[in-house]
Amino acid sequence: MSNPHILILGAPGAGKGTQSSRLAEEYDIDHITTGDALRNNKDMETEYGTPRSFMESGELVPDPVVNEIVEAALEQADGFVLDGYPRNESQVEYLSDATDLDVVLYLDVPEEELVRRLAGRRVCDDCGATYHVEFDQPEEEGVCDECGGELVQREDDTEETVRERIRVYEENTEPVIEHYRGTDAFEAVDGDQGPDDVWSDIVDAVERHVE
């Protein structure tokens, strides 16, 4: 299998990061995220300015800048798994002109499971190590195994905030999912399974589309 072009979609908490990392390692391709692409190219000149000029002022980086930065990252990659882009229909159109996709993976997870995964996350206040109240508990409750720091729930991991994040995601990204659902490259994967079962389904899906 040579240099597949993979797009992975899914709500916050669906497991995109975990599965993208496995795809990158399995197929020796780049894992491209919008955030990483912007950070790695923050001084790249575009018609609208550099990403740094927006990031340092706390402004949202506009679509035209994000588009150019992501396209540059794709051009530098022999193969890729793209994670976190496109987020809206205009970005879908830009991506379709920039590259071809072999397979579009959609990790489908029920909202209540997403809430359970995200709202249960705890982070060390000192070293940043991540745990979960159900799936990845520390040896001593509330204490980091790595450094002994206090484990806290971040503000964006409270149930209320998580549900709002999911609502915003669905509002913005549902048209993106529906666009790709109508293409031959689209593969819905049951994300409400253990990570290894999800991975097995992902490999099957990729191999159906890439020689």
Protein backbone atom coordinates (compact mmCIF):
# COMPACT_ATOMS: atom_id res chain seq x y z
CA MET A 1 0.00 0.00 0.00
CA SER A 2 1.65 3.21 -1.13
CA ASN A 3 1.17 6.67 0.36
CA PRO A 4 -2.57 6.65 1.08
CA HIS A 5 -4.47 9.95 1.36
CA ILE A 6 -6.79 9.55 4.35
CA LEU A 7 -9.24 11.99 5.92
CA ILE A 8 -10.58 11.18 9.39
CA LEU A 9 -13.73 12.82 10.77
CA GLY A 10 -15.46 12.60 14.13
CA ALA A 11 -16.69 14.63 17.07
CA PRO A 12 -14.47 15.63 20.02
CA GLY A 13 -13.81 12.45 21.99
CA ALA A 14 -14.40 10.12 19.05
CA GLY A 15 -10.78 8.94 19.07
CA LYS A 16 -9.45 10.67 15.96
CA GLY A 17 -6.09 11.48 17.53
CA THR A 18 -5.46 7.94 18.75
CA GLN A 19 -6.45 6.30 15.48
CA SER A 20 -4.66 8.91 13.34
CA SER A 21 -1.40 8.18 15.16
CA ARG A 22 -1.83 4.47 14.50
CA LEU A 23 -2.57 5.13 10.83
CA ALA A 24 0.52 7.31 10.49
CA GLU A 25 2.70 4.59 12.01
CA GLU A 26 1.09 1.67 10.18
CA TYR A 27 1.33 3.22 6.70
CA ASP A 28 4.39 5.45 7.27
CA ILE A 29 2.48 8.64 6.41
CA ASP A 30 2.21 12.10 7.96
CA HIS A 31 -0.40 12.89 10.61
CA ILE A 32 -1.53 16.39 9.66
CA THR A 33 -3.65 18.43 12.05
CA THR A 34 -4.73 22.03 11.55
CA GLY A 35 -3.11 23.07 14.82
CA ASP A 36 0.24 21.46 14.04
CA ALA A 37 0.23 22.83 10.48
CA LEU A 38 -0.37 26.36 11.78
CA ARG A 39 2.29 26.10 14.49
CA ASN A 40 4.87 24.63 12.10
CA ASN A 41 4.22 27.32 9.48
CA LYS A 42 3.25 30.29 11.62
CA ASP A 43 5.54 32.65 9.72
CA MET A 44 4.45 31.53 6.26
CA GLU A 45 3.37 34.54 4.21
CA THR A 46 -0.11 34.39 2.70
CA GLU A 47 -2.20 36.98 0.92
CA TYR A 48 -3.94 37.62 4.25
CA GLY A 49 -0.86 37.72 6.50
CA THR A 50 0.96 35.09 8.57
CA PRO A 51 -0.74 32.71 11.01
CA ARG A 52 1.42 34.22 13.76
CA SER A 53 -0.24 37.62 13.31
CA PHE A 54 -3.62 36.11 14.16
CA MET A 55 -2.48 33.60 16.79
CA GLU A 56 -0.55 36.15 18.88
CA SER A 57 -3.48 38.56 18.88
CA GLY A 58 -5.86 35.81 19.98
CA GLU A 59 -7.91 36.05 16.79
CA LEU A 60 -9.35 33.06 14.95
CA VAL A 61 -7.12 32.27 11.98
CA PRO A 62 -9.35 32.91 8.92
CA ASP A 63 -10.22 30.16 6.47
CA PRO A 64 -8.08 31.47 3.58
CA VAL A 65 -4.95 31.35 5.77
CA VAL A 66 -5.81 27.91 7.19
CA ASN A 67 -6.46 26.65 3.66
CA GLU A 68 -3.05 27.73 2.38
CA ILE A 69 -1.22 26.35 5.40
CA VAL A 70 -2.96 22.95 5.18
CA GLU A 71 -2.33 22.76 1.43
CA ALA A 72 1.37 23.43 2.01
CA ALA A 73 1.50 20.61 4.57
CA LEU A 74 -0.25 18.22 2.17
CA GLU A 75 2.15 19.09 -0.63
CA GLN A 76 5.12 18.23 1.59
CA ALA A 77 3.68 14.80 2.50
CA ASP A 78 4.08 11.62 0.44
CA GLY A 79 0.96 10.30 2.14
CA PHE A 80 -1.16 11.59 4.99
CA VAL A 81 -3.97 11.21 7.48
CA LEU A 82 -5.70 14.58 7.77
CA ASP A 83 -7.31 15.24 11.16
CA GLY A 84 -9.37 18.33 12.08
CA TYR A 85 -9.81 19.75 8.58
CA PRO A 86 -12.07 20.51 6.74
CA ARG A 87 -14.46 22.03 9.28
CA ASN A 88 -16.96 23.66 6.93
CA GLU A 89 -18.24 23.49 3.36
CA SER A 90 -15.90 26.17 2.00
CA GLN A 91 -12.92 24.22 3.31
CA VAL A 92 -14.33 21.07 1.70
CA GLU A 93 -14.36 22.83 -1.65
CA TYR A 94 -10.80 24.07 -1.17
CA LEU A 95 -9.56 20.60 -0.18
CA SER A 96 -11.18 18.98 -3.21
CA ASP A 97 -9.14 21.29 -5.45
CA ALA A 98 -5.94 20.80 -3.45
CA THR A 99 -5.74 16.98 -3.34
CA ASP A 100 -7.51 13.68 -3.93
CA LEU A 101 -8.67 11.52 -1.04
CA ASP A 102 -8.49 7.72 -1.11
CA VAL A 103 -10.73 7.15 1.90
CA VAL A 104 -12.79 9.29 4.29
CA LEU A 105 -13.19 7.66 7.70
CA TYR A 106 -16.02 8.83 9.95
CA LEU A 107 -15.82 7.67 13.58
CA ASP A 108 -19.45 7.46 14.63
CA VAL A 109 -19.92 7.67 18.43
CA PRO A 110 -23.19 8.40 20.31
CA GLU A 111 -23.31 11.73 22.14
CA GLU A 112 -23.67 10.19 25.61
CA GLU A 113 -20.51 8.14 25.07
CA LEU A 114 -18.62 11.24 23.90
CA VAL A 115 -19.72 13.08 27.05
CA ARG A 116 -18.64 10.13 29.23
CA ARG A 117 -15.20 10.05 27.62
CA LEU A 118 -14.53 13.79 27.75
CA ALA A 119 -16.15 14.72 31.06
CA GLY A 120 -14.27 11.90 32.80
CA ARG A 121 -10.87 13.19 31.75
CA ARG A 122 -8.50 14.44 34.46
CA VAL A 123 -5.19 16.24 33.88
CA CYS A 124 -2.20 16.68 36.17
CA ASP A 125 -1.94 20.32 37.21
CA ASP A 126 1.86 20.06 37.25
CA CYS A 127 3.10 17.85 34.39
CA GLY A 128 0.02 17.61 32.15
CA ALA A 129 -0.31 13.80 32.25
CA THR A 130 -3.84 12.70 31.34
CA TYR A 131 -6.07 10.16 33.12
CA HIS A 132 -9.73 9.14 33.11
CA VAL A 133 -12.04 8.40 36.01
CA GLU A 134 -13.18 5.13 34.35
CA PHE A 135 -10.72 4.07 31.66
CA ASP A 136 -7.30 5.15 32.92
CA GLN A 137 -7.27 5.69 36.67
CA PRO A 138 -4.15 6.68 38.63
CA GLU A 139 -2.84 4.38 41.34
CA GLU A 140 -3.98 6.88 43.99
CA GLU A 141 -7.21 8.77 43.35
CA GLY A 142 -6.60 12.40 42.44
CA VAL A 143 -2.80 12.03 42.38
CA CYS A 144 -0.60 11.85 39.28
CA ASP A 145 1.44 8.63 38.94
CA GLU A 146 4.18 10.52 37.10
CA CYS A 147 4.96 13.41 39.44
CA GLY A 148 2.56 13.30 42.39
CA GLY A 149 0.73 16.43 41.22
CA GLU A 150 -2.97 17.08 41.72
CA LEU A 151 -5.37 15.80 39.05
CA VAL A 152 -7.94 18.37 37.99
CA GLN A 153 -10.85 18.62 35.57
CA ARG A 154 -10.19 21.29 32.96
CA GLU A 155 -12.91 23.86 32.39
CA ASP A 156 -13.48 22.65 28.83
CA ASP A 157 -14.04 19.09 30.11
CA THR A 158 -17.07 19.81 32.31
CA GLU A 159 -20.27 18.14 31.10
CA GLU A 160 -21.92 21.45 30.21
CA THR A 161 -18.92 22.60 28.19
CA VAL A 162 -18.51 19.20 26.51
CA ARG A 163 -22.13 19.20 25.35
CA GLU A 164 -21.68 22.70 23.94
CA ARG A 165 -18.51 21.63 22.11
CA ILE A 166 -20.39 18.70 20.58
CA ARG A 167 -23.29 20.96 19.59
CA VAL A 168 -20.97 23.42 17.87
CA TYR A 169 -19.14 20.57 16.15
CA GLU A 170 -22.38 19.10 14.83
CA GLU A 171 -23.67 22.47 13.68
CA ASN A 172 -20.49 23.27 11.76
CA THR A 173 -19.35 19.88 10.59
CA GLU A 174 -22.54 17.94 9.85
CA PRO A 175 -22.63 19.39 6.29
CA VAL A 176 -19.04 18.19 5.83
CA ILE A 177 -19.98 14.65 6.88
CA GLU A 178 -23.03 14.66 4.65
CA HIS A 179 -20.93 15.85 1.69
CA TYR A 180 -18.53 12.95 2.01
CA ARG A 181 -21.28 10.45 2.87
CA GLY A 182 -22.41 10.79 -0.71
CA THR A 183 -19.00 9.81 -2.12
CA ASP A 184 -17.45 6.42 -2.86
CA ALA A 185 -14.55 7.18 -0.52
CA PHE A 186 -16.76 7.44 2.61
CA GLU A 187 -16.52 4.76 5.30
CA ALA A 188 -18.52 5.00 8.55
CA VAL A 189 -16.76 3.23 11.42
CA ASP A 190 -18.46 2.28 14.68
CA GLY A 191 -16.41 4.29 17.17
CA ASP A 192 -18.41 3.00 20.13
CA GLN A 193 -16.10 0.00 20.54
CA GLY A 194 -12.76 -0.65 22.18
CA PRO A 195 -9.80 1.07 20.47
CA ASP A 196 -8.45 -2.19 19.03
CA ASP A 197 -11.83 -3.11 17.50
CA VAL A 198 -12.12 0.37 16.00
CA TRP A 199 -8.60 0.00 14.62
CA SER A 200 -9.44 -3.35 13.01
CA ASP A 201 -12.45 -1.81 11.26
CA ILE A 202 -10.35 1.17 10.14
CA VAL A 203 -7.69 -1.06 8.57
CA ASP A 204 -10.38 -3.03 6.73
CA ALA A 205 -11.89 0.22 5.46
CA VAL A 206 -8.56 1.63 4.28
CA GLU A 207 -7.59 -1.57 2.52
CA ARG A 208 -10.88 -1.59 0.62
CA HIS A 209 -9.91 1.73 -0.94
CA VAL A 210 -6.13 1.73 -1.26
CA GLU A 211 -4.05 -0.79 -3.19
